[in-house]
C-alpha cells in the first residue's frame, strides 16, 4: 500500500523528483500519489557548501538522490568518505548514525540518509570546536578528516579581548 505525500512550494521554489528538477512560478501544493524520491530545495547542499566531512558525505548522498545518472560514482565516493569519517572519530553517535545510514543507502532510502547526516551537523561542529582547542596544545594532533571551519572575521571597530 502506498501513501500519498503532500508538498507545498512557494513561488520560484524548486523540488527534485526522481532526478527531475521542477520549479514553480506560483504558490502550489503537489500531491505525490505513488512512491517517488524527492528533495526540497531547502535541503539541497551546493558543492561550495560541502566544507566539512559530514557535509561532503551529505553531498555525495544527495547526488545519488537527485542525479541518478551519477549515482554509482557518488555511491563509491559516499562509501569512501563514510569509512574515513568512521576511522577519524570515536564518537558513538557518529558511528551509530552512519552505520544506520549505510543500511539506508543499501536499501535505496536516500532521504533517510540525508536526515541522519543533517542530524549529525551539531555533533560535528562540537567535535571541530574541541579539535580547535586541542590544536593549541602541540601534543594533541587533529584527526585528518576533521578540519575546523574558518572563523568569522571580527566586525570593524570591535575590540579584541586579551
Protein backbone atom coordinates (compact mmCIF):
# COMPACT_ATOMS: atom_id res chain seq x y z
CA UNK A 1 0.00 0.00 0.00
CA UNK A 2 1.47 3.36 -0.95
CA UNK A 3 0.79 6.54 0.92
CA UNK A 4 0.47 9.95 -0.60
CA UNK A 5 2.87 12.79 0.11
CA UNK A 6 1.82 16.45 0.12
CA UNK A 7 4.37 19.13 -0.80
CA UNK A 8 3.73 22.87 -0.57
CA UNK A 9 6.01 25.09 -2.64
CA UNK A 10 6.45 28.87 -2.74
CA UNK A 11 6.83 30.86 -5.98
CA UNK A 12 10.22 30.18 -7.60
CA UNK A 13 10.96 27.23 -5.30
CA UNK A 14 12.41 24.03 -6.75
CA UNK A 15 11.81 20.41 -5.94
CA UNK A 16 13.84 17.45 -7.21
CA UNK A 17 11.62 14.46 -8.02
CA UNK A 18 13.09 11.22 -9.37
CA UNK A 19 16.03 13.11 -10.86
CA UNK A 20 13.91 15.84 -12.49
CA UNK A 21 14.15 19.46 -11.33
CA UNK A 22 10.82 21.26 -11.14
CA UNK A 23 10.44 25.00 -10.45
CA UNK A 24 7.03 26.50 -9.75
CA UNK A 25 6.03 30.02 -10.76
CA UNK A 26 3.38 30.46 -8.05
CA UNK A 27 2.42 29.00 -4.70
CA UNK A 28 1.39 25.43 -5.34
CA UNK A 29 0.57 22.26 -3.49
CA UNK A 30 1.61 18.95 -5.04
CA UNK A 31 0.36 15.52 -4.05
CA UNK A 32 2.61 12.61 -4.93
CA UNK A 33 0.31 9.61 -5.37
CA UNK A 34 2.95 6.91 -5.69
CA UNK A 35 6.47 6.14 -4.49
CA UNK A 36 8.92 8.83 -5.56
CA UNK A 37 12.26 10.13 -4.41
CA UNK A 38 12.24 13.86 -3.87
CA UNK A 39 14.24 16.60 -2.23
CA UNK A 40 13.06 20.10 -1.46
CA UNK A 41 15.28 22.99 -2.49
CA UNK A 42 15.84 24.00 1.14
CA UNK A 43 17.62 20.70 1.79
CA UNK A 44 19.86 20.86 -1.27
CA UNK A 45 23.51 21.49 -0.45
CA UNK A 46 25.56 23.31 -3.07
CA UNK A 47 29.04 21.95 -3.87
CA UNK A 48 30.78 25.01 -2.41
CA UNK A 49 28.92 24.45 0.89
CA UNK A 50 30.37 20.94 1.32
CA UNK A 51 33.15 22.27 3.57
CA UNK A 52 33.22 19.61 6.30
CA UNK A 53 33.47 15.82 6.18
CA UNK A 54 29.77 15.31 7.00
CA UNK A 55 28.67 17.94 4.50
CA UNK A 56 30.78 16.19 1.84
CA UNK A 57 29.11 12.91 2.79
CA UNK A 58 25.70 14.61 2.56
CA UNK A 59 26.59 15.99 -0.88
CA UNK A 60 27.52 12.50 -2.13
CA UNK A 61 24.23 11.05 -0.83
CA UNK A 62 22.31 13.99 -2.30
CA UNK A 63 23.94 13.36 -5.68
CA UNK A 64 22.75 9.75 -5.60
CA UNK A 65 19.22 11.02 -4.95
CA UNK A 66 18.89 13.89 -7.41
CA UNK A 67 21.20 12.76 -10.22
CA UNK A 68 20.56 9.05 -10.88
CA UNK A 69 22.94 9.11 -13.88
CA UNK A 70 25.85 9.78 -11.48
CA UNK A 71 24.61 7.53 -8.67
CA UNK A 72 27.31 4.86 -8.94
CA UNK A 73 30.34 7.20 -8.74
CA UNK A 74 28.56 9.08 -5.94
CA UNK A 75 27.93 5.78 -4.11
CA UNK A 76 31.65 4.92 -4.29
CA UNK A 77 32.56 8.40 -3.03
CA UNK A 78 29.99 8.09 -0.24
CA UNK A 79 31.46 4.76 0.93
CA UNK A 80 35.00 6.16 0.91
CA UNK A 81 34.02 9.32 2.80
CA UNK A 82 32.00 7.36 5.34
CA UNK A 83 34.87 4.97 6.00
CA UNK A 84 37.22 7.93 6.52
CA UNK A 85 34.86 9.63 8.96
CA UNK A 86 34.38 6.42 10.94
CA UNK A 87 38.15 5.99 11.17
CA UNK A 88 38.71 9.61 12.20
CA UNK A 89 36.30 9.72 15.13
CA UNK A 90 35.36 7.55 18.05
CA UNK A 91 32.13 9.43 18.78
CA UNK A 92 29.43 6.80 19.38
CA UNK A 93 26.64 8.99 17.95
CA UNK A 94 28.53 9.40 14.69
CA UNK A 95 29.26 5.68 14.43
CA UNK A 96 25.68 4.68 15.27
CA UNK A 97 24.01 7.05 12.81
CA UNK A 98 26.47 6.47 9.97
CA UNK A 99 26.08 2.71 10.30
CA UNK A 100 22.29 3.19 10.14
CA UNK A 101 22.81 5.47 7.12
CA UNK A 102 24.84 2.74 5.39
CA UNK A 103 21.87 0.38 5.70
CA UNK A 104 19.58 3.03 4.23
CA UNK A 105 21.97 3.58 1.30
CA UNK A 106 21.93 -0.14 0.58
CA UNK A 107 18.11 -0.13 0.75
CA UNK A 108 17.87 2.91 -1.54
CA UNK A 109 16.30 5.08 1.18
CA UNK A 110 18.45 8.12 0.48
CA UNK A 111 16.11 10.67 2.02
CA UNK A 112 16.57 8.87 5.37
CA UNK A 113 20.34 9.03 4.86
CA UNK A 114 20.18 12.81 4.39
CA UNK A 115 18.12 13.22 7.58
CA UNK A 116 20.60 11.15 9.60
CA UNK A 117 23.58 13.12 8.31
CA UNK A 118 21.92 16.53 8.88
CA UNK A 119 21.18 15.49 12.46
CA UNK A 120 24.93 14.97 12.98
CA UNK A 121 25.93 18.52 11.94
CA UNK A 122 25.84 19.83 15.55
CA UNK A 123 27.91 16.86 16.73
CA UNK A 124 30.47 17.54 14.01
CA UNK A 125 30.58 21.23 14.96
CA UNK A 126 31.24 20.30 18.60
CA UNK A 127 33.98 17.85 17.59
CA UNK A 128 35.59 20.50 15.42
CA UNK A 129 35.40 23.07 18.21
CA UNK A 130 37.10 20.65 20.60
CA UNK A 131 39.73 19.95 17.92
CA UNK A 132 40.47 23.67 17.71
CA UNK A 133 41.05 23.77 21.46
CA UNK A 134 43.25 20.70 21.26
CA UNK A 135 45.18 22.26 18.37
CA UNK A 136 46.50 24.91 20.74
CA UNK A 137 48.29 22.09 22.54
CA UNK A 138 51.18 20.79 20.40
CA UNK A 139 50.81 17.28 21.85
CA UNK A 140 47.23 16.77 20.65
CA UNK A 141 47.00 16.09 16.89
CA UNK A 142 43.84 16.95 14.95
CA UNK A 143 42.25 13.92 13.27
CA UNK A 144 42.88 14.16 9.50
CA UNK A 145 39.22 14.08 8.39
CA UNK A 146 38.03 16.64 10.94
CA UNK A 147 39.13 20.08 9.80
CA UNK A 148 37.84 23.23 11.50
CA UNK A 149 35.69 25.68 9.56
CA UNK A 150 37.14 29.17 9.02
CA UNK A 151 36.42 31.56 11.88
CA UNK A 152 34.20 34.56 11.16
CA UNK A 153 36.01 37.88 10.92
CA UNK A 154 35.61 40.40 13.73
CA UNK A 155 33.41 43.38 12.85
CA UNK A 156 35.31 46.58 12.12
CA UNK A 157 35.76 48.55 15.33
CA UNK A 158 35.26 45.51 17.57
CA UNK A 159 37.79 45.24 20.33
CA UNK A 160 39.93 42.18 20.70
CA UNK A 161 39.79 40.84 24.25
CA UNK A 162 43.05 39.92 25.87
